[in-house]
Amino acid sequence: MNGSPIVMPILISFGISIVTGPVLILFLKRMKIAQTVREDGPKTHLKKMGTPTMGGIMILISVIVTAFFYIKEYPGIFPVLFLMCGFGLIGFWDDFRKVILRRPMGLSPLQKLAGQVLVTGIFAYYMVNFSGIPLAMRIPFFEGHYIDFGRFNIPILFLIVIGTVNGTNFTDGLDGLLSGVTVPVVTFFTVVAWGTCVGIYPITCAVLGALFGFLIFNVHPASVFMGDTGSLALGGFLAATAYVMQMPLFLAIVGFVYMAEVLSVMLQVVYFKLSGGKRLFKMAPLHHHFELCGCSEMKVVTIFSVATALFSLIALFAF
């Protein structure tokens, strides 16, 4: 089987990212678009203060330009690209308010949720009325079997999309963590898309190439952070890819780390309120808990990335 449809978009996107990376980092430094660090976080993170952020722009540029060459032949790319860019714009505006307008809170939780609901609603409308793709979901470990929730399909879609996006957002907290964790997830979807001839593998390959390029600048010690621009965009990409392939249930397997990060925050808040101020974890999200337990930043990133790679292999078996 000719592998050029897989290789070329990876190389194009990778090339764009490593070319735009130094230019973008220099621009961010000159504009003083820098990361702020939580004062109550691990003390080792204080040295990250001033590192350029909003590097997710690099990922978006690489993917959009690469997708431009393939979208006419592979129209299935469109809803994936839309959801990725839609959430990327929400993240961009949040970052913009934080680091340029100097409003530390960025968008309020209500504003951010409203934007996420709007983008998800447009995606849902397209999927139901124009995509021709049923919202029935493949069941892991049961080949050829699907589950259809009927009238609950749309509410479940909102829950899965917004949950996935916020999962990737919470995972973005260490140098190379979100990028390293997401590479095996995207690889899984690329293998399945290519093997089943689902016409979206050019964009999954483009994201893979962009992540490879971004990791060169984001690996510890990071020269740039992706910010919400990148983390929300990657969440939108994963959710859209899963739905276009009728595989949202597989996100529970390949996205185990994302779910663990979200659940750690939720459990921390609930336990704090119920216990009168006690903490279940030393700090949430979960990666900070491991850091405060004595694990180095690179060790946490390695463990989470390897775990995701193993879960991706399990998902491939489940498919």
C-alpha atoms as a PDB file:
ATOM      1  CA  MET A   1       0.000   0.000   0.000  1.00  0.00           C
ATOM      2  CA  ASN A   2       1.413   3.402  -0.987  1.00  0.00           C
ATOM      3  CA  GLY A   3       2.177   5.345   2.166  1.00  0.00           C
ATOM      4  CA  SER A   4       2.699   8.771   0.576  1.00  0.00           C
ATOM      5  CA  PRO A   5      -0.779  10.053   1.606  1.00  0.00           C
ATOM      6  CA  ILE A   6       0.330   9.440   5.199  1.00  0.00           C
ATOM      7  CA  VAL A   7       3.900  10.681   4.957  1.00  0.00           C
ATOM      8  CA  MET A   8       3.450  13.866   2.946  1.00  0.00           C
ATOM      9  CA  PRO A   9       1.007  15.755   5.204  1.00  0.00           C
ATOM     10  CA  ILE A  10       3.172  14.854   8.210  1.00  0.00           C
ATOM     11  CA  LEU A  11       6.275  16.234   6.512  1.00  0.00           C
ATOM     12  CA  ILE A  12       4.522  19.351   5.206  1.00  0.00           C
ATOM     13  CA  SER A  13       3.059  20.207   8.598  1.00  0.00           C
ATOM     14  CA  PHE A  14       6.295  19.390  10.407  1.00  0.00           C
ATOM     15  CA  GLY A  15       8.262  21.585   8.000  1.00  0.00           C
ATOM     16  CA  ILE A  16       5.877  24.501   8.470  1.00  0.00           C
ATOM     17  CA  SER A  17       6.032  24.213  12.258  1.00  0.00           C
ATOM     18  CA  ILE A  18       9.822  24.155  12.531  1.00  0.00           C
ATOM     19  CA  VAL A  19      10.090  27.106  10.119  1.00  0.00           C
ATOM     20  CA  THR A  20       7.411  29.222  11.817  1.00  0.00           C
ATOM     21  CA  GLY A  21       8.504  28.246  15.333  1.00  0.00           C
ATOM     22  CA  PRO A  22      11.595  30.476  15.717  1.00  0.00           C
ATOM     23  CA  VAL A  23       9.821  33.380  14.002  1.00  0.00           C
ATOM     24  CA  LEU A  24       6.781  33.086  16.262  1.00  0.00           C
ATOM     25  CA  ILE A  25       8.875  32.697  19.425  1.00  0.00           C
ATOM     26  CA  LEU A  26      10.892  35.811  18.558  1.00  0.00           C
ATOM     27  CA  PHE A  27       7.689  37.751  17.891  1.00  0.00           C
ATOM     28  CA  LEU A  28       6.127  36.600  21.188  1.00  0.00           C
ATOM     29  CA  LYS A  29       9.268  37.626  23.081  1.00  0.00           C
ATOM     30  CA  ARG A  30       9.323  41.071  21.488  1.00  0.00           C
ATOM     31  CA  MET A  31       5.646  41.552  22.273  1.00  0.00           C
ATOM     32  CA  LYS A  32       6.297  40.278  25.827  1.00  0.00           C
ATOM     33  CA  ILE A  33       3.563  37.670  25.452  1.00  0.00           C
ATOM     34  CA  ALA A  34       4.787  35.582  28.361  1.00  0.00           C
ATOM     35  CA  GLN A  35       3.481  32.868  30.657  1.00  0.00           C
ATOM     36  CA  THR A  36       2.425  33.663  34.211  1.00  0.00           C
ATOM     37  CA  VAL A  37       2.972  31.016  36.893  1.00  0.00           C
ATOM     38  CA  ARG A  38       0.708  30.102  39.805  1.00  0.00           C
ATOM     39  CA  GLU A  39       2.292  31.242  43.069  1.00  0.00           C
ATOM     40  CA  ASP A  40       0.783  28.250  44.907  1.00  0.00           C
ATOM     41  CA  GLY A  41       2.208  25.799  42.372  1.00  0.00           C
ATOM     42  CA  PRO A  42       5.457  23.813  42.485  1.00  0.00           C
ATOM     43  CA  LYS A  43       8.368  26.147  43.201  1.00  0.00           C
ATOM     44  CA  THR A  44      10.337  24.647  40.305  1.00  0.00           C
ATOM     45  CA  HIS A  45       7.842  26.331  37.957  1.00  0.00           C
ATOM     46  CA  LEU A  46       8.828  29.846  39.002  1.00  0.00           C
ATOM     47  CA  LYS A  47      11.734  29.726  36.545  1.00  0.00           C
ATOM     48  CA  LYS A  48       9.169  29.346  33.733  1.00  0.00           C
ATOM     49  CA  MET A  49       7.954  32.881  34.353  1.00  0.00           C
ATOM     50  CA  GLY A  50       8.438  34.924  31.208  1.00  0.00           C
ATOM     51  CA  THR A  51       8.506  31.997  28.776  1.00  0.00           C
ATOM     52  CA  PRO A  52       6.528  32.928  25.626  1.00  0.00           C
ATOM     53  CA  THR A  53       3.036  31.467  25.393  1.00  0.00           C
ATOM     54  CA  MET A  54       0.324  31.229  22.691  1.00  0.00           C
ATOM     55  CA  GLY A  55       2.609  28.850  20.782  1.00  0.00           C
ATOM     56  CA  GLY A  56      -0.516  26.948  19.782  1.00  0.00           C
ATOM     57  CA  ILE A  57      -0.650  29.419  16.903  1.00  0.00           C
ATOM     58  CA  MET A  58       2.246  27.440  15.420  1.00  0.00           C
ATOM     59  CA  ILE A  59       0.191  24.235  15.522  1.00  0.00           C
ATOM     60  CA  LEU A  60      -2.880  25.881  14.005  1.00  0.00           C
ATOM     61  CA  ILE A  61      -0.930  27.503  11.158  1.00  0.00           C
ATOM     62  CA  SER A  62       0.775  24.208  10.303  1.00  0.00           C
ATOM     63  CA  VAL A  63      -2.489  22.258  10.262  1.00  0.00           C
ATOM     64  CA  ILE A  64      -4.539  24.875   8.390  1.00  0.00           C
ATOM     65  CA  VAL A  65      -1.952  25.353   5.638  1.00  0.00           C
ATOM     66  CA  THR A  66      -1.478  21.590   5.226  1.00  0.00           C
ATOM     67  CA  ALA A  67      -5.234  20.946   5.197  1.00  0.00           C
ATOM     68  CA  PHE A  68      -5.593  23.530   2.411  1.00  0.00           C
ATOM     69  CA  PHE A  69      -3.805  21.144   0.020  1.00  0.00           C
ATOM     70  CA  TYR A  70      -6.132  18.226   0.835  1.00  0.00           C
ATOM     71  CA  ILE A  71      -9.560  19.583   1.743  1.00  0.00           C
ATOM     72  CA  LYS A  72     -10.911  19.563  -1.808  1.00  0.00           C
ATOM     73  CA  GLU A  73     -10.129  15.873  -2.280  1.00  0.00           C
ATOM     74  CA  TYR A  74     -10.990  14.982   1.317  1.00  0.00           C
ATOM     75  CA  PRO A  75     -14.058  17.057   2.341  1.00  0.00           C
ATOM     76  CA  GLY A  76     -14.397  15.011   5.534  1.00  0.00           C
ATOM     77  CA  ILE A  77     -11.572  17.174   6.851  1.00  0.00           C
ATOM     78  CA  PHE A  78     -13.879  20.208   7.081  1.00  0.00           C
ATOM     79  CA  PRO A  79     -15.805  19.465  10.323  1.00  0.00           C
ATOM     80  CA  VAL A  80     -12.580  18.406  12.058  1.00  0.00           C
ATOM     81  CA  LEU A  81     -10.812  21.573  10.964  1.00  0.00           C
ATOM     82  CA  PHE A  82     -13.809  23.688  11.967  1.00  0.00           C
ATOM     83  CA  LEU A  83     -14.001  22.347  15.513  1.00  0.00           C
ATOM     84  CA  MET A  84     -10.238  22.582  15.947  1.00  0.00           C
ATOM     85  CA  CYS A  85     -10.120  26.194  14.747  1.00  0.00           C
ATOM     86  CA  GLY A  86     -13.304  27.126  16.617  1.00  0.00           C
ATOM     87  CA  PHE A  87     -11.919  26.048  19.963  1.00  0.00           C
ATOM     88  CA  GLY A  88      -8.515  27.418  19.001  1.00  0.00           C
ATOM     89  CA  LEU A  89     -10.107  30.863  18.569  1.00  0.00           C
ATOM     90  CA  ILE A  90     -11.724  30.625  22.011  1.00  0.00           C
ATOM     91  CA  GLY A  91      -8.342  29.735  23.468  1.00  0.00           C
ATOM     92  CA  PHE A  92      -6.669  32.536  21.520  1.00  0.00           C
ATOM     93  CA  TRP A  93      -9.083  35.124  22.880  1.00  0.00           C
ATOM     94  CA  ASP A  94      -8.606  33.773  26.402  1.00  0.00           C
ATOM     95  CA  ASP A  95      -4.808  33.987  26.047  1.00  0.00           C
ATOM     96  CA  PHE A  96      -5.088  37.426  24.456  1.00  0.00           C
ATOM     97  CA  ARG A  97      -7.005  38.795  27.426  1.00  0.00           C
ATOM     98  CA  LYS A  98      -4.566  37.229  29.893  1.00  0.00           C
ATOM     99  CA  VAL A  99      -1.197  38.161  28.433  1.00  0.00           C
ATOM    100  CA  ILE A 100      -1.873  41.172  26.206  1.00  0.00           C
ATOM    101  CA  LEU A 101      -4.777  42.929  27.900  1.00  0.00           C
ATOM    102  CA  ARG A 102      -3.245  41.959  31.275  1.00  0.00           C
ATOM    103  CA  ARG A 103      -6.450  40.488  32.659  1.00  0.00           C
ATOM    104  CA  PRO A 104      -5.188  37.497  34.697  1.00  0.00           C
ATOM    105  CA  MET A 105      -8.495  35.616  34.644  1.00  0.00           C
ATOM    106  CA  GLY A 106      -8.833  35.830  30.844  1.00  0.00           C
ATOM    107  CA  LEU A 107     -12.338  34.914  29.810  1.00  0.00           C
ATOM    108  CA  SER A 108     -14.739  34.315  32.668  1.00  0.00           C
ATOM    109  CA  PRO A 109     -15.885  30.680  33.111  1.00  0.00           C
ATOM    110  CA  LEU A 110     -19.315  31.688  31.792  1.00  0.00           C
ATOM    111  CA  GLN A 111     -17.862  33.392  28.704  1.00  0.00           C
ATOM    112  CA  LYS A 112     -15.617  30.427  27.972  1.00  0.00           C
ATOM    113  CA  LEU A 113     -18.497  27.957  28.391  1.00  0.00           C
ATOM    114  CA  ALA A 114     -20.772  30.057  26.172  1.00  0.00           C
ATOM    115  CA  GLY A 115     -18.154  30.027  23.410  1.00  0.00           C
ATOM    116  CA  GLN A 116     -17.655  26.288  23.748  1.00  0.00           C
ATOM    117  CA  VAL A 117     -21.403  25.635  23.604  1.00  0.00           C
ATOM    118  CA  LEU A 118     -21.757  27.830  20.510  1.00  0.00           C
ATOM    119  CA  VAL A 119     -18.927  26.138  18.590  1.00  0.00           C
ATOM    120  CA  THR A 120     -20.119  22.675  19.644  1.00  0.00           C
ATOM    121  CA  GLY A 121     -23.681  23.540  18.615  1.00  0.00           C
ATOM    122  CA  ILE A 122     -22.576  24.502  15.100  1.00  0.00           C
ATOM    123  CA  PHE A 123     -20.573  21.275  14.845  1.00  0.00           C
ATOM    124  CA  ALA A 124     -23.561  19.232  16.049  1.00  0.00           C
ATOM    125  CA  TYR A 125     -25.861  20.924  13.521  1.00  0.00           C
ATOM    126  CA  TYR A 126     -23.443  20.120  10.709  1.00  0.00           C
ATOM    127  CA  MET A 127     -23.049  16.509  11.802  1.00  0.00           C
ATOM    128  CA  VAL A 128     -26.793  15.921  11.963  1.00  0.00           C
ATOM    129  CA  ASN A 129     -27.849  17.796   8.821  1.00  0.00           C
ATOM    130  CA  PHE A 130     -24.933  17.723   6.387  1.00  0.00           C
ATOM    131  CA  SER A 131     -22.265  15.162   7.247  1.00  0.00           C
ATOM    132  CA  GLY A 132     -24.211  11.985   6.506  1.00  0.00           C
ATOM    133  CA  ILE A 133     -22.417  10.384   9.460  1.00  0.00           C
ATOM    134  CA  PRO A 134     -24.687   8.752  12.066  1.00  0.00           C
ATOM    135  CA  LEU A 135     -24.160   9.689  15.696  1.00  0.00           C
ATOM    136  CA  ALA A 136     -24.235   5.999  16.627  1.00  0.00           C
ATOM    137  CA  MET A 137     -20.949   5.011  18.271  1.00  0.00           C
ATOM    138  CA  ARG A 138     -18.669   2.033  17.737  1.00  0.00           C
ATOM    139  CA  ILE A 139     -18.471  -0.131  20.853  1.00  0.00           C
ATOM    140  CA  PRO A 140     -14.903  -0.977  21.907  1.00  0.00           C
ATOM    141  CA  PHE A 141     -14.025  -4.694  21.933  1.00  0.00           C
ATOM    142  CA  PHE A 142     -17.209  -5.551  19.981  1.00  0.00           C
ATOM    143  CA  GLU A 143     -16.325  -5.375  16.306  1.00  0.00           C
ATOM    144  CA  GLY A 144     -19.128  -4.171  14.061  1.00  0.00           C
ATOM    145  CA  HIS A 145     -21.399  -3.236  16.966  1.00  0.00           C
ATOM    146  CA  TYR A 146     -22.714   0.282  17.564  1.00  0.00           C
ATOM    147  CA  ILE A 147     -24.808   1.987  20.218  1.00  0.00           C
ATOM    148  CA  ASP A 148     -27.315   4.724  19.411  1.00  0.00           C
ATOM    149  CA  PHE A 149     -28.671   6.863  22.250  1.00  0.00           C
ATOM    150  CA  GLY A 150     -31.472   8.321  20.135  1.00  0.00           C
ATOM    151  CA  ARG A 151     -32.745  11.625  21.520  1.00  0.00           C
ATOM    152  CA  PHE A 152     -29.797  11.747  23.912  1.00  0.00           C
ATOM    153  CA  ASN A 153     -27.214  11.746  21.113  1.00  0.00           C
ATOM    154  CA  ILE A 154     -26.965  15.539  20.997  1.00  0.00           C
ATOM    155  CA  PRO A 155     -26.639  16.119  24.776  1.00  0.00           C
ATOM    156  CA  ILE A 156     -24.021  13.350  24.888  1.00  0.00           C
ATOM    157  CA  LEU A 157     -22.173  14.986  21.985  1.00  0.00           C
ATOM    158  CA  PHE A 158     -22.017  18.271  23.917  1.00  0.00           C
ATOM    159  CA  LEU A 159     -20.790  16.434  27.010  1.00  0.00           C
ATOM    160  CA  ILE A 160     -18.080  14.509  25.150  1.00  0.00           C
ATOM    161  CA  VAL A 161     -16.833  17.442  23.071  1.00  0.00           C
ATOM    162  CA  ILE A 162     -16.666  19.956  25.921  1.00  0.00           C
ATOM    163  CA  GLY A 163     -15.320  17.324  28.316  1.00  0.00           C
ATOM    164  CA  THR A 164     -12.534  16.364  25.895  1.00  0.00           C
ATOM    165  CA  VAL A 165     -11.597  19.982  25.287  1.00  0.00           C
ATOM    166  CA  ASN A 166     -11.357  20.768  28.982  1.00  0.00           C
ATOM    167  CA  GLY A 167      -9.439  17.526  29.542  1.00  0.00           C
ATOM    168  CA  THR A 168      -6.712  18.585  27.136  1.00  0.00           C
ATOM    169  CA  ASN A 169      -6.731  22.055  28.666  1.00  0.00           C
ATOM    170  CA  PHE A 170      -6.086  20.692  32.177  1.00  0.00           C
ATOM    171  CA  THR A 171      -3.340  18.396  30.846  1.00  0.00           C
ATOM    172  CA  ASP A 172      -1.332  21.336  29.520  1.00  0.00           C
ATOM    173  CA  GLY A 173       0.733  22.111  32.608  1.00  0.00           C
ATOM    174  CA  LEU A 174       4.249  20.738  32.122  1.00  0.00           C
ATOM    175  CA  ASP A 175       6.872  21.103  29.397  1.00  0.00           C
ATOM    176  CA  GLY A 176       5.948  18.719  26.605  1.00  0.00           C
ATOM    177  CA  LEU A 177       3.150  17.020  28.570  1.00  0.00           C
ATOM    178  CA  LEU A 178       0.111  17.701  26.396  1.00  0.00           C
ATOM    179  CA  SER A 179       2.141  17.362  23.196  1.00  0.00           C
ATOM    180  CA  GLY A 180       3.747  14.105  24.329  1.00  0.00           C
ATOM    181  CA  VAL A 181       0.474  12.613  25.516  1.00  0.00           C
ATOM    182  CA  THR A 182      -1.423  13.628  22.386  1.00  0.00           C
ATOM    183  CA  VAL A 183       1.074  12.179  19.865  1.00  0.00           C
ATOM    184  CA  PRO A 184       0.102   8.511  20.539  1.00  0.00           C
ATOM    185  CA  VAL A 185      -3.599   9.444  20.554  1.00  0.00           C
ATOM    186  CA  VAL A 186      -3.337  11.117  17.153  1.00  0.00           C
ATOM    187  CA  THR A 187      -1.239   8.197  15.898  1.00  0.00           C
ATOM    188  CA  PHE A 188      -4.023   5.812  16.937  1.00  0.00           C
ATOM    189  CA  PHE A 189      -6.681   7.770  15.043  1.00  0.00           C
ATOM    190  CA  THR A 190      -4.378   8.066  12.012  1.00  0.00           C
ATOM    191  CA  VAL A 191      -3.796   4.299  11.872  1.00  0.00           C
ATOM    192  CA  VAL A 192      -7.521   3.580  12.145  1.00  0.00           C
ATOM    193  CA  ALA A 193      -8.473   6.267   9.612  1.00  0.00           C
ATOM    194  CA  TRP A 194      -5.910   4.974   7.127  1.00  0.00           C
ATOM    195  CA  GLY A 195      -6.823   1.339   7.692  1.00  0.00           C
ATOM    196  CA  THR A 196     -10.562   1.938   7.308  1.00  0.00           C
ATOM    197  CA  CYS A 197     -10.185   4.418   4.424  1.00  0.00           C
ATOM    198  CA  VAL A 198     -11.932   7.193   6.355  1.00  0.00           C
ATOM    199  CA  GLY A 199     -11.022  10.320   4.410  1.00  0.00           C
ATOM    200  CA  ILE A 200      -9.681  12.410   7.263  1.00  0.00           C
ATOM    201  CA  TYR A 201      -6.177  11.006   7.637  1.00  0.00           C
ATOM    202  CA  PRO A 202      -4.546  14.012   5.924  1.00  0.00           C
ATOM    203  CA  ILE A 203      -5.588  16.222   8.839  1.00  0.00           C
ATOM    204  CA  THR A 204      -4.685  13.658  11.516  1.00  0.00           C
ATOM    205  CA  CYS A 205      -1.272  13.415   9.845  1.00  0.00           C
ATOM    206  CA  ALA A 206      -1.039  17.210   9.733  1.00  0.00           C
ATOM    207  CA  VAL A 207      -1.695  17.427  13.468  1.00  0.00           C
ATOM    208  CA  LEU A 208       0.889  14.705  14.077  1.00  0.00           C
ATOM    209  CA  GLY A 209       3.499  16.616  12.071  1.00  0.00           C
ATOM    210  CA  ALA A 210       2.638  19.874  13.832  1.00  0.00           C
ATOM    211  CA  LEU A 211       3.034  18.229  17.235  1.00  0.00           C
ATOM    212  CA  PHE A 212       6.420  16.780  16.263  1.00  0.00           C
ATOM    213  CA  GLY A 213       7.559  20.247  15.239  1.00  0.00           C
ATOM    214  CA  PHE A 214       6.083  21.924  18.308  1.00  0.00           C
ATOM    215  CA  LEU A 215       7.749  19.414  20.648  1.00  0.00           C
ATOM    216  CA  ILE A 216      11.167  20.576  19.445  1.00  0.00           C
ATOM    217  CA  PHE A 217      10.422  23.934  21.064  1.00  0.00           C
ATOM    218  CA  ASN A 218       8.211  22.688  23.909  1.00  0.00           C
ATOM    219  CA  VAL A 219      10.271  19.829  25.348  1.00  0.00           C
ATOM    220  CA  HIS A 220      11.879  20.552  28.728  1.00  0.00           C
ATOM    221  CA  PRO A 221      13.130  23.229  29.181  1.00  0.00           C
ATOM    222  CA  ALA A 222      10.425  24.725  26.987  1.00  0.00           C
ATOM    223  CA  SER A 223      11.142  27.686  24.726  1.00  0.00           C
ATOM    224  CA  VAL A 224       7.417  28.268  24.238  1.00  0.00           C
ATOM    225  CA  PHE A 225       4.102  27.095  25.709  1.00  0.00           C
ATOM    226  CA  MET A 226       1.045  26.372  23.586  1.00  0.00           C
ATOM    227  CA  GLY A 227      -1.377  28.213  25.878  1.00  0.00           C
ATOM    228  CA  ASP A 228      -5.138  27.770  25.668  1.00  0.00           C
ATOM    229  CA  THR A 229      -4.834  28.520  21.943  1.00  0.00           C
ATOM    230  CA  GLY A 230      -3.204  25.133  21.438  1.00  0.00           C
ATOM    231  CA  SER A 231      -4.733  23.062  24.229  1.00  0.00           C
ATOM    232  CA  LEU A 232      -8.346  23.899  23.349  1.00  0.00           C
ATOM    233  CA  ALA A 233      -7.631  23.446  19.632  1.00  0.00           C
ATOM    234  CA  LEU A 234      -6.210  19.956  20.225  1.00  0.00           C
ATOM    235  CA  GLY A 235      -9.243  19.020  22.309  1.00  0.00           C
ATOM    236  CA  GLY A 236     -11.571  20.162  19.541  1.00  0.00           C
ATOM    237  CA  PHE A 237      -9.554  18.200  16.994  1.00  0.00           C
ATOM    238  CA  LEU A 238      -9.706  14.970  19.014  1.00  0.00           C
ATOM    239  CA  ALA A 239     -13.438  15.261  19.716  1.00  0.00           C
ATOM    240  CA  ALA A 240     -14.276  16.011  16.074  1.00  0.00           C
ATOM    241  CA  THR A 241     -12.052  13.193  14.793  1.00  0.00           C
ATOM    242  CA  ALA A 242     -13.699  10.737  17.161  1.00  0.00           C
ATOM    243  CA  TYR A 243     -17.194  11.745  16.018  1.00  0.00           C
ATOM    244  CA  VAL A 244     -16.391  11.717  12.308  1.00  0.00           C
ATOM    245  CA  MET A 245     -15.066   8.173  12.772  1.00  0.00           C
ATOM    246  CA  GLN A 246     -17.988   7.210  15.062  1.00  0.00           C
ATOM    247  CA  MET A 247     -15.504   6.477  17.838  1.00  0.00           C
ATOM    248  CA  PRO A 248     -16.279   8.813  20.774  1.00  0.00           C
ATOM    249  CA  LEU A 249     -16.322   5.858  23.175  1.00  0.00           C
ATOM    250  CA  PHE A 250     -12.687   5.163  22.319  1.00  0.00           C
ATOM    251  CA  LEU A 251     -11.778   8.539  23.840  1.00  0.00           C
ATOM    252  CA  ALA A 252     -12.369   6.919  27.224  1.00  0.00           C
ATOM    253  CA  ILE A 253      -9.452   4.581  26.440  1.00  0.00           C
ATOM    254  CA  VAL A 254      -6.928   6.690  24.514  1.00  0.00           C
ATOM    255  CA  GLY A 255      -7.848   9.788  26.506  1.00  0.00           C
ATOM    256  CA  PHE A 256      -7.404   8.152  29.906  1.00  0.00           C
ATOM    257  CA  VAL A 257      -4.850  10.774  30.985  1.00  0.00           C
ATOM    258  CA  TYR A 258      -7.151  13.635  29.956  1.00  0.00           C
ATOM    259  CA  MET A 259      -9.978  12.113  31.996  1.00  0.00           C
ATOM    260  CA  ALA A 260      -7.713  11.552  34.997  1.00  0.00           C
ATOM    261  CA  GLU A 261      -6.665  15.208  34.912  1.00  0.00           C
ATOM    262  CA  VAL A 262     -10.268  16.440  34.803  1.00  0.00           C
ATOM    263  CA  LEU A 263     -11.449  14.030  37.486  1.00  0.00           C
ATOM    264  CA  SER A 264      -8.584  15.018  39.789  1.00  0.00           C
ATOM    265  CA  VAL A 265      -9.735  18.642  39.643  1.00  0.00           C
ATOM    266  CA  MET A 266     -13.383  17.722  40.216  1.00  0.00           C
ATOM    267  CA  LEU A 267     -12.571  15.380  43.109  1.00  0.00           C
ATOM    268  CA  GLN A 268     -10.263  17.963  44.661  1.00  0.00           C
ATOM    269  CA  VAL A 269     -13.000  20.615  44.650  1.00  0.00           C
ATOM    270  CA  VAL A 270     -15.719  18.280  45.981  1.00  0.00           C
ATOM    271  CA  TYR A 271     -13.497  16.802  48.700  1.00  0.00           C
ATOM    272  CA  PHE A 272     -12.298  20.268  49.724  1.00  0.00           C
ATOM    273  CA  LYS A 273     -15.872  21.445  50.251  1.00  0.00           C
ATOM    274  CA  LEU A 274     -17.134  18.276  51.955  1.00  0.00           C
ATOM    275  CA  SER A 275     -14.125  17.912  54.272  1.00  0.00           C
ATOM    276  CA  GLY A 276     -14.064  21.520  55.378  1.00  0.00           C
ATOM    277  CA  GLY A 277     -10.868  22.518  53.643  1.00  0.00           C
ATOM    278  CA  LYS A 278      -8.852  19.294  53.373  1.00  0.00           C
ATOM    279  CA  ARG A 279      -7.235  18.237  50.086  1.00  0.00           C
ATOM    280  CA  LEU A 280      -7.469  14.844  48.409  1.00  0.00           C
ATOM    281  CA  PHE A 281      -4.402  15.566  46.248  1.00  0.00           C
ATOM    282  CA  LYS A 282      -1.441  17.750  47.133  1.00  0.00           C
ATOM    283  CA  MET A 283      -2.393  19.826  44.120  1.00  0.00           C
ATOM    284  CA  ALA A 284      -4.657  19.441  41.087  1.00  0.00           C
ATOM    285  CA  PRO A 285      -4.547  18.727  38.173  1.00  0.00           C
ATOM    286  CA  LEU A 286      -2.984  15.314  38.751  1.00  0.00           C
ATOM    287  CA  HIS A 287       0.418  16.025  37.176  1.00  0.00           C
ATOM    288  CA  HIS A 288       1.114  18.641  39.853  1.00  0.00           C
ATOM    289  CA  HIS A 289       0.296  16.086  42.577  1.00  0.00           C
ATOM    290  CA  PHE A 290       3.007  13.766  41.240  1.00  0.00           C
ATOM    291  CA  GLU A 291       5.459  16.676  41.087  1.00  0.00           C
ATOM    292  CA  LEU A 292       4.824  17.567  44.722  1.00  0.00           C
ATOM    293  CA  CYS A 293       5.280  13.891  45.621  1.00  0.00           C
ATOM    294  CA  GLY A 294       8.868  14.178  44.388  1.00  0.00           C
ATOM    295  CA  CYS A 295       8.692  13.171  40.718  1.00  0.00           C
ATOM    296  CA  SER A 296      10.669  15.337  38.330  1.00  0.00           C
ATOM    297  CA  GLU A 297       8.839  17.155  35.577  1.00  0.00           C
ATOM    298  CA  MET A 298      10.417  14.996  32.869  1.00  0.00           C
ATOM    299  CA  LYS A 299       9.553  11.807  34.752  1.00  0.00           C
ATOM    300  CA  VAL A 300       5.893  12.782  35.009  1.00  0.00           C
ATOM    301  CA  VAL A 301       5.785  13.628  31.290  1.00  0.00           C
ATOM    302  CA  THR A 302       7.441  10.300  30.416  1.00  0.00           C
ATOM    303  CA  ILE A 303       5.098   8.242  32.602  1.00  0.00           C
ATOM    304  CA  PHE A 304       1.966   9.956  31.279  1.00  0.00           C
ATOM    305  CA  SER A 305       3.131   9.667  27.658  1.00  0.00           C
ATOM    306  CA  VAL A 306       4.070   5.985  27.966  1.00  0.00           C
ATOM    307  CA  ALA A 307       0.771   5.252  29.709  1.00  0.00           C
ATOM    308  CA  THR A 308      -1.118   6.935  26.862  1.00  0.00           C
ATOM    309  CA  ALA A 309       0.857   4.945  24.292  1.00  0.00           C
ATOM    310  CA  LEU A 310      -0.127   1.711  26.065  1.00  0.00           C
ATOM    311  CA  PHE A 311      -3.784   2.767  26.262  1.00  0.00           C
ATOM    312  CA  SER A 312      -3.648   3.593  22.548  1.00  0.00           C
ATOM    313  CA  LEU A 313      -2.425   0.060  21.832  1.00  0.00           C
ATOM    314  CA  ILE A 314      -5.300  -1.294  23.940  1.00  0.00           C
ATOM    315  CA  ALA A 315      -7.708   0.879  21.938  1.00  0.00           C
ATOM    316  CA  LEU A 316      -6.271  -0.501  18.701  1.00  0.00           C
ATOM    317  CA  PHE A 317      -6.918  -4.012  19.994  1.00  0.00           C
ATOM    318  CA  ALA A 318     -10.423  -2.920  21.094  1.00  0.00           C
ATOM    319  CA  PHE A 319     -11.113  -1.683  17.568  1.00  0.00           C
END
